[in-house]
PDB file of N, CA and C in Angstrom:
ATOM      1  N   MET A   1       0.838  -1.180   0.000  1.00  0.00           N
ATOM      2  CA  MET A   1       0.000   0.000   0.000  1.00  0.00           C
ATOM      3  C   MET A   1       0.880   1.240   0.000  1.00  0.00           C
ATOM      4  N   GLY A   2       0.355   2.316  -0.590  1.00  0.00           N
ATOM      5  CA  GLY A   2       1.090   3.574  -0.652  1.00  0.00           C
ATOM      6  C   GLY A   2       0.794   4.457   0.537  1.00  0.00           C
ATOM      7  N   THR A   3       1.254   5.677   0.459  1.00  0.00           N
ATOM      8  CA  THR A   3       1.029   6.670   1.505  1.00  0.00           C
ATOM      9  C   THR A   3      -0.409   7.183   1.417  1.00  0.00           C
ATOM     10  N   PRO A   4      -1.105   7.296   2.570  1.00  0.00           N
ATOM     11  CA  PRO A   4      -2.475   7.796   2.540  1.00  0.00           C
ATOM     12  C   PRO A   4      -2.536   9.257   2.100  1.00  0.00           C
ATOM     13  N   ILE A   5      -3.591   9.601   1.377  1.00  0.00           N
ATOM     14  CA  ILE A   5      -3.780  10.966   0.895  1.00  0.00           C
ATOM     15  C   ILE A   5      -4.341  11.863   1.997  1.00  0.00           C
ATOM     16  N   ILE A   6      -5.259  11.331   2.807  1.00  0.00           N
ATOM     17  CA  ILE A   6      -5.916  12.119   3.849  1.00  0.00           C
ATOM     18  C   ILE A   6      -5.546  11.554   5.213  1.00  0.00           C
ATOM     19  N   GLY A   7      -4.909  12.332   6.044  1.00  0.00           N
ATOM     20  CA  GLY A   7      -4.615  11.953   7.421  1.00  0.00           C
ATOM     21  C   GLY A   7      -3.899  10.631   7.550  1.00  0.00           C
ATOM     22  N   ASP A   8      -4.342   9.823   8.521  1.00  0.00           N
ATOM     23  CA  ASP A   8      -3.703   8.535   8.763  1.00  0.00           C
ATOM     24  C   ASP A   8      -4.574   7.366   8.298  1.00  0.00           C
ATOM     25  N   LEU A   9      -5.403   7.586   7.302  1.00  0.00           N
ATOM     26  CA  LEU A   9      -6.245   6.524   6.763  1.00  0.00           C
ATOM     27  C   LEU A   9      -5.373   5.553   5.982  1.00  0.00           C
ATOM     28  N   GLU A  10      -5.220   4.352   6.489  1.00  0.00           N
ATOM     29  CA  GLU A  10      -4.340   3.399   5.830  1.00  0.00           C
ATOM     30  C   GLU A  10      -5.058   2.157   5.333  1.00  0.00           C
ATOM     31  N   TYR A  11      -6.227   1.850   5.862  1.00  0.00           N
ATOM     32  CA  TYR A  11      -6.873   0.605   5.470  1.00  0.00           C
ATOM     33  C   TYR A  11      -8.378   0.771   5.538  1.00  0.00           C
ATOM     34  N   ALA A  12      -9.056   0.298   4.538  1.00  0.00           N
ATOM     35  CA  ALA A  12     -10.518   0.282   4.537  1.00  0.00           C
ATOM     36  C   ALA A  12     -10.969  -1.162   4.717  1.00  0.00           C
ATOM     37  N   SER A  13     -12.015  -1.349   5.452  1.00  0.00           N
ATOM     38  CA  SER A  13     -12.545  -2.684   5.681  1.00  0.00           C
ATOM     39  C   SER A  13     -13.051  -3.295   4.382  1.00  0.00           C
ATOM     40  N   ASP A  14     -12.859  -4.594   4.233  1.00  0.00           N
ATOM     41  CA  ASP A  14     -13.345  -5.302   3.049  1.00  0.00           C
ATOM     42  C   ASP A  14     -14.845  -5.563   3.110  1.00  0.00           C
ATOM     43  N   TYR A  15     -15.409  -5.541   4.301  1.00  0.00           N
ATOM     44  CA  TYR A  15     -16.843  -5.784   4.433  1.00  0.00           C
ATOM     45  C   TYR A  15     -17.409  -4.981   5.598  1.00  0.00           C
ATOM     46  N   PHE A  16     -18.722  -4.798   5.577  1.00  0.00           N
ATOM     47  CA  PHE A  16     -19.432  -4.127   6.657  1.00  0.00           C
ATOM     48  C   PHE A  16     -20.826  -4.731   6.709  1.00  0.00           C
ATOM     49  N   TYR A  17     -21.195  -5.285   7.837  1.00  0.00           N
ATOM     50  CA  TYR A  17     -22.513  -5.896   8.008  1.00  0.00           C
ATOM     51  C   TYR A  17     -23.290  -5.141   9.073  1.00  0.00           C
ATOM     52  N   ASN A  18     -24.608  -5.164   8.941  1.00  0.00           N
ATOM     53  CA  ASN A  18     -25.447  -4.649  10.008  1.00  0.00           C
ATOM     54  C   ASN A  18     -26.722  -5.474  10.063  1.00  0.00           C
ATOM     55  N   GLY A  19     -27.272  -5.527  11.247  1.00  0.00           N
ATOM     56  CA  GLY A  19     -28.554  -6.177  11.468  1.00  0.00           C
ATOM     57  C   GLY A  19     -29.336  -5.313  12.433  1.00  0.00           C
ATOM     58  N   ALA A  20     -30.621  -5.145  12.180  1.00  0.00           N
ATOM     59  CA  ALA A  20     -31.400  -4.246  13.030  1.00  0.00           C
ATOM     60  C   ALA A  20     -32.865  -4.660  13.050  1.00  0.00           C
ATOM     61  N   LEU A  21     -33.528  -4.335  14.128  1.00  0.00           N
ATOM     62  CA  LEU A  21     -34.979  -4.454  14.234  1.00  0.00           C
ATOM     63  C   LEU A  21     -35.527  -3.057  13.987  1.00  0.00           C
ATOM     64  N   VAL A  22     -36.229  -2.880  12.880  1.00  0.00           N
ATOM     65  CA  VAL A  22     -36.659  -1.532  12.510  1.00  0.00           C
ATOM     66  C   VAL A  22     -38.177  -1.419  12.459  1.00  0.00           C
ATOM     67  N   TYR A  23     -38.639  -0.203  12.653  1.00  0.00           N
ATOM     68  CA  TYR A  23     -40.042   0.157  12.534  1.00  0.00           C
ATOM     69  C   TYR A  23     -40.096   1.362  11.617  1.00  0.00           C
ATOM     70  N   GLY A  24     -41.069   1.382  10.715  1.00  0.00           N
ATOM     71  CA  GLY A  24     -41.097   2.515   9.808  1.00  0.00           C
ATOM     72  C   GLY A  24     -42.404   2.660   9.064  1.00  0.00           C
ATOM     73  N   ILE A  25     -42.381   3.561   8.103  1.00  0.00           N
ATOM     74  CA  ILE A  25     -43.543   3.856   7.277  1.00  0.00           C
ATOM     75  C   ILE A  25     -43.066   3.972   5.836  1.00  0.00           C
ATOM     76  N   GLN A  26     -43.926   3.549   4.909  1.00  0.00           N
ATOM     77  CA  GLN A  26     -43.611   3.698   3.490  1.00  0.00           C
ATOM     78  C   GLN A  26     -44.884   4.008   2.725  1.00  0.00           C
ATOM     79  N   ARG A  27     -44.733   4.760   1.663  1.00  0.00           N
ATOM     80  CA  ARG A  27     -45.869   5.148   0.827  1.00  0.00           C
ATOM     81  C   ARG A  27     -45.469   5.102  -0.632  1.00  0.00           C
ATOM     82  N   THR A  28     -46.405   4.662  -1.470  1.00  0.00           N
ATOM     83  CA  THR A  28     -46.254   4.721  -2.920  1.00  0.00           C
ATOM     84  C   THR A  28     -47.480   5.446  -3.454  1.00  0.00           C
ATOM     85  N   TYR A  29     -47.256   6.489  -4.237  1.00  0.00           N
ATOM     86  CA  TYR A  29     -48.343   7.289  -4.783  1.00  0.00           C
ATOM     87  C   TYR A  29     -48.736   6.797  -6.171  1.00  0.00           C
ATOM     88  N   ARG A  30     -49.898   7.210  -6.660  1.00  0.00           N
ATOM     89  CA  ARG A  30     -50.463   6.716  -7.922  1.00  0.00           C
ATOM     90  C   ARG A  30     -49.520   6.804  -9.109  1.00  0.00           C
ATOM     91  N   LYS A  31     -48.771   7.862  -9.197  1.00  0.00           N
ATOM     92  CA  LYS A  31     -47.875   8.054 -10.346  1.00  0.00           C
ATOM     93  C   LYS A  31     -46.560   7.300 -10.183  1.00  0.00           C
ATOM     94  N   GLY A  32     -46.374   6.609  -9.063  1.00  0.00           N
ATOM     95  CA  GLY A  32     -45.197   5.776  -8.880  1.00  0.00           C
ATOM     96  C   GLY A  32     -44.143   6.300  -7.926  1.00  0.00           C
ATOM     97  N   PHE A  33     -44.286   7.539  -7.431  1.00  0.00           N
ATOM     98  CA  PHE A  33     -43.301   8.066  -6.481  1.00  0.00           C
ATOM     99  C   PHE A  33     -43.364   7.258  -5.190  1.00  0.00           C
ATOM    100  N   TYR A  34     -42.207   6.903  -4.648  1.00  0.00           N
ATOM    101  CA  TYR A  34     -42.113   6.063  -3.466  1.00  0.00           C
ATOM    102  C   TYR A  34     -41.216   6.748  -2.435  1.00  0.00           C
ATOM    103  N   TRP A  35     -41.613   6.662  -1.160  1.00  0.00           N
ATOM    104  CA  TRP A  35     -40.726   7.082  -0.085  1.00  0.00           C
ATOM    105  C   TRP A  35     -40.913   6.157   1.107  1.00  0.00           C
ATOM    106  N   GLY A  36     -39.855   6.016   1.894  1.00  0.00           N
ATOM    107  CA  GLY A  36     -39.906   5.179   3.077  1.00  0.00           C
ATOM    108  C   GLY A  36     -38.948   5.696   4.141  1.00  0.00           C
ATOM    109  N   LEU A  37     -39.306   5.491   5.401  1.00  0.00           N
ATOM    110  CA  LEU A  37     -38.478   5.883   6.529  1.00  0.00           C
ATOM    111  C   LEU A  37     -38.578   4.785   7.574  1.00  0.00           C
ATOM    112  N   ALA A  38     -37.425   4.283   8.030  1.00  0.00           N
ATOM    113  CA  ALA A  38     -37.400   3.240   9.055  1.00  0.00           C
ATOM    114  C   ALA A  38     -36.254   3.524  10.022  1.00  0.00           C
ATOM    115  N   PHE A  39     -36.421   3.111  11.276  1.00  0.00           N
ATOM    116  CA  PHE A  39     -35.376   3.306  12.275  1.00  0.00           C
ATOM    117  C   PHE A  39     -35.511   2.256  13.357  1.00  0.00           C
ATOM    118  N   GLY A  40     -34.412   1.996  14.065  1.00  0.00           N
ATOM    119  CA  GLY A  40     -34.437   1.050  15.160  1.00  0.00           C
ATOM    120  C   GLY A  40     -33.040   0.683  15.619  1.00  0.00           C
ATOM    121  N   PRO A  41     -32.949  -0.093  16.713  1.00  0.00           N
ATOM    122  CA  PRO A  41     -31.645  -0.491  17.241  1.00  0.00           C
ATOM    123  C   PRO A  41     -30.987  -1.525  16.331  1.00  0.00           C
ATOM    124  N   GLY A  42     -29.661  -1.428  16.224  1.00  0.00           N
ATOM    125  CA  GLY A  42     -28.953  -2.353  15.349  1.00  0.00           C
ATOM    126  C   GLY A  42     -27.561  -2.680  15.843  1.00  0.00           C
ATOM    127  N   ILE A  43     -26.956  -3.682  15.208  1.00  0.00           N
ATOM    128  CA  ILE A  43     -25.581  -4.090  15.465  1.00  0.00           C
ATOM    129  C   ILE A  43     -24.807  -3.913  14.169  1.00  0.00           C
ATOM    130  N   PHE A  44     -23.609  -3.328  14.255  1.00  0.00           N
ATOM    131  CA  PHE A  44     -22.780  -3.035  13.095  1.00  0.00           C
ATOM    132  C   PHE A  44     -21.439  -3.742  13.260  1.00  0.00           C
ATOM    133  N   VAL A  45     -21.006  -4.484  12.230  1.00  0.00           N
ATOM    134  CA  VAL A  45     -19.803  -5.313  12.315  1.00  0.00           C
ATOM    135  C   VAL A  45     -18.934  -5.096  11.081  1.00  0.00           C
ATOM    136  N   ASP A  46     -17.613  -4.934  11.288  1.00  0.00           N
ATOM    137  CA  ASP A  46     -16.661  -4.948  10.174  1.00  0.00           C
ATOM    138  C   ASP A  46     -15.379  -5.640  10.637  1.00  0.00           C
ATOM    139  N   ASP A  47     -14.287  -5.484   9.897  1.00  0.00           N
ATOM    140  CA  ASP A  47     -13.025  -6.151  10.233  1.00  0.00           C
ATOM    141  C   ASP A  47     -12.499  -5.771  11.607  1.00  0.00           C
ATOM    142  N   PHE A  48     -12.788  -4.557  12.064  1.00  0.00           N
ATOM    143  CA  PHE A  48     -12.134  -4.017  13.243  1.00  0.00           C
ATOM    144  C   PHE A  48     -12.983  -3.971  14.508  1.00  0.00           C
ATOM    145  N   TYR A  49     -14.279  -3.871  14.382  1.00  0.00           N
ATOM    146  CA  TYR A  49     -15.084  -3.697  15.591  1.00  0.00           C
ATOM    147  C   TYR A  49     -16.506  -4.220  15.417  1.00  0.00           C
ATOM    148  N   LYS A  50     -17.152  -4.418  16.556  1.00  0.00           N
ATOM    149  CA  LYS A  50     -18.587  -4.704  16.628  1.00  0.00           C
ATOM    150  C   LYS A  50     -19.157  -3.609  17.514  1.00  0.00           C
ATOM    151  N   ASP A  51     -20.253  -3.018  17.069  1.00  0.00           N
ATOM    152  CA  ASP A  51     -20.803  -1.896  17.818  1.00  0.00           C
ATOM    153  C   ASP A  51     -22.320  -1.906  17.707  1.00  0.00           C
ATOM    154  N   ALA A  52     -22.993  -1.368  18.710  1.00  0.00           N
ATOM    155  CA  ALA A  52     -24.447  -1.225  18.681  1.00  0.00           C
ATOM    156  C   ALA A  52     -24.779   0.246  18.468  1.00  0.00           C
ATOM    157  N   GLY A  53     -25.901   0.492  17.818  1.00  0.00           N
ATOM    158  CA  GLY A  53     -26.306   1.867  17.570  1.00  0.00           C
ATOM    159  C   GLY A  53     -27.703   1.917  16.990  1.00  0.00           C
ATOM    160  N   ILE A  54     -28.064   3.054  16.456  1.00  0.00           N
ATOM    161  CA  ILE A  54     -29.378   3.263  15.853  1.00  0.00           C
ATOM    162  C   ILE A  54     -29.232   3.255  14.335  1.00  0.00           C
ATOM    163  N   LEU A  55     -30.032   2.444  13.661  1.00  0.00           N
ATOM    164  CA  LEU A  55     -30.052   2.415  12.202  1.00  0.00           C
ATOM    165  C   LEU A  55     -31.178   3.328  11.722  1.00  0.00           C
ATOM    166  N   ILE A  56     -30.869   4.211  10.797  1.00  0.00           N
ATOM    167  CA  ILE A  56     -31.868   5.078  10.169  1.00  0.00           C
ATOM    168  C   ILE A  56     -31.809   4.826   8.675  1.00  0.00           C
ATOM    169  N   ASP A  57     -32.944   4.481   8.080  1.00  0.00           N
ATOM    170  CA  ASP A  57     -33.019   4.157   6.657  1.00  0.00           C
ATOM    171  C   ASP A  57     -34.031   5.080   5.992  1.00  0.00           C
ATOM    172  N   VAL A  58     -33.581   5.845   5.002  1.00  0.00           N
ATOM    173  CA  VAL A  58     -34.447   6.745   4.241  1.00  0.00           C
ATOM    174  C   VAL A  58     -34.361   6.335   2.783  1.00  0.00           C
ATOM    175  N   ARG A  59     -35.517   6.142   2.149  1.00  0.00           N
ATOM    176  CA  ARG A  59     -35.540   5.737   0.744  1.00  0.00           C
ATOM    177  C   ARG A  59     -36.495   6.612  -0.050  1.00  0.00           C
ATOM    178  N   LEU A  60     -36.042   7.006  -1.224  1.00  0.00           N
ATOM    179  CA  LEU A  60     -36.860   7.723  -2.196  1.00  0.00           C
ATOM    180  C   LEU A  60     -36.716   6.985  -3.514  1.00  0.00           C
ATOM    181  N   GLY A  61     -37.788   6.911  -4.274  1.00  0.00           N
ATOM    182  CA  GLY A  61     -37.662   6.214  -5.542  1.00  0.00           C
ATOM    183  C   GLY A  61     -38.868   6.371  -6.428  1.00  0.00           C
ATOM    184  N   TRP A  62     -38.821   5.621  -7.500  1.00  0.00           N
ATOM    185  CA  TRP A  62     -39.872   5.635  -8.499  1.00  0.00           C
ATOM    186  C   TRP A  62     -40.173   4.194  -8.874  1.00  0.00           C
ATOM    187  N   VAL A  63     -41.433   3.796  -8.783  1.00  0.00           N
ATOM    188  CA  VAL A  63     -41.857   2.449  -9.144  1.00  0.00           C
ATOM    189  C   VAL A  63     -42.209   2.453 -10.626  1.00  0.00           C
ATOM    190  N   VAL A  64     -41.504   1.665 -11.410  1.00  0.00           N
ATOM    191  CA  VAL A  64     -41.772   1.591 -12.846  1.00  0.00           C
ATOM    192  C   VAL A  64     -43.133   0.933 -13.052  1.00  0.00           C
ATOM    193  N   GLY A  65     -43.996   1.542 -13.826  1.00  0.00           N
ATOM    194  CA  GLY A  65     -45.325   0.999 -14.064  1.00  0.00           C
ATOM    195  C   GLY A  65     -46.369   1.511 -13.091  1.00  0.00           C
ATOM    196  N   GLY A  66     -45.983   2.330 -12.128  1.00  0.00           N
ATOM    197  CA  GLY A  66     -46.943   2.890 -11.178  1.00  0.00           C
ATOM    198  C   GLY A  66     -47.326   1.911 -10.089  1.00  0.00           C
ATOM    199  N   ARG A  67     -48.270   2.315  -9.290  1.00  0.00           N
ATOM    200  CA  ARG A  67     -48.718   1.552  -8.134  1.00  0.00           C
ATOM    201  C   ARG A  67     -49.676   0.438  -8.542  1.00  0.00           C
ATOM    202  N   LYS A  68     -49.600  -0.715  -7.864  1.00  0.00           N
ATOM    203  CA  LYS A  68     -50.551  -1.807  -8.116  1.00  0.00           C
ATOM    204  C   LYS A  68     -51.895  -1.460  -7.514  1.00  0.00           C
ATOM    205  N   LYS A  69     -52.948  -1.898  -8.160  1.00  0.00           N
ATOM    206  CA  LYS A  69     -54.299  -1.593  -7.669  1.00  0.00           C
ATOM    207  C   LYS A  69     -54.885  -2.739  -6.908  1.00  0.00           C
TER     208      LYS A  69
END
């Protein structure tokens, strides 16, 4: 590996996993616009540490073909 460009960053983890119990809300509108928000306690794991915290998930999107009836 070469010299880091920013500070002392020398290694990035090859993987990052998380697991969480979440509660949220989601909506899809007639024209296909979609949004969702979920949050809850979670566990986060990578090469270097295991940690607990709060997972927040925000999603915006478009459903191709619109909403199912």
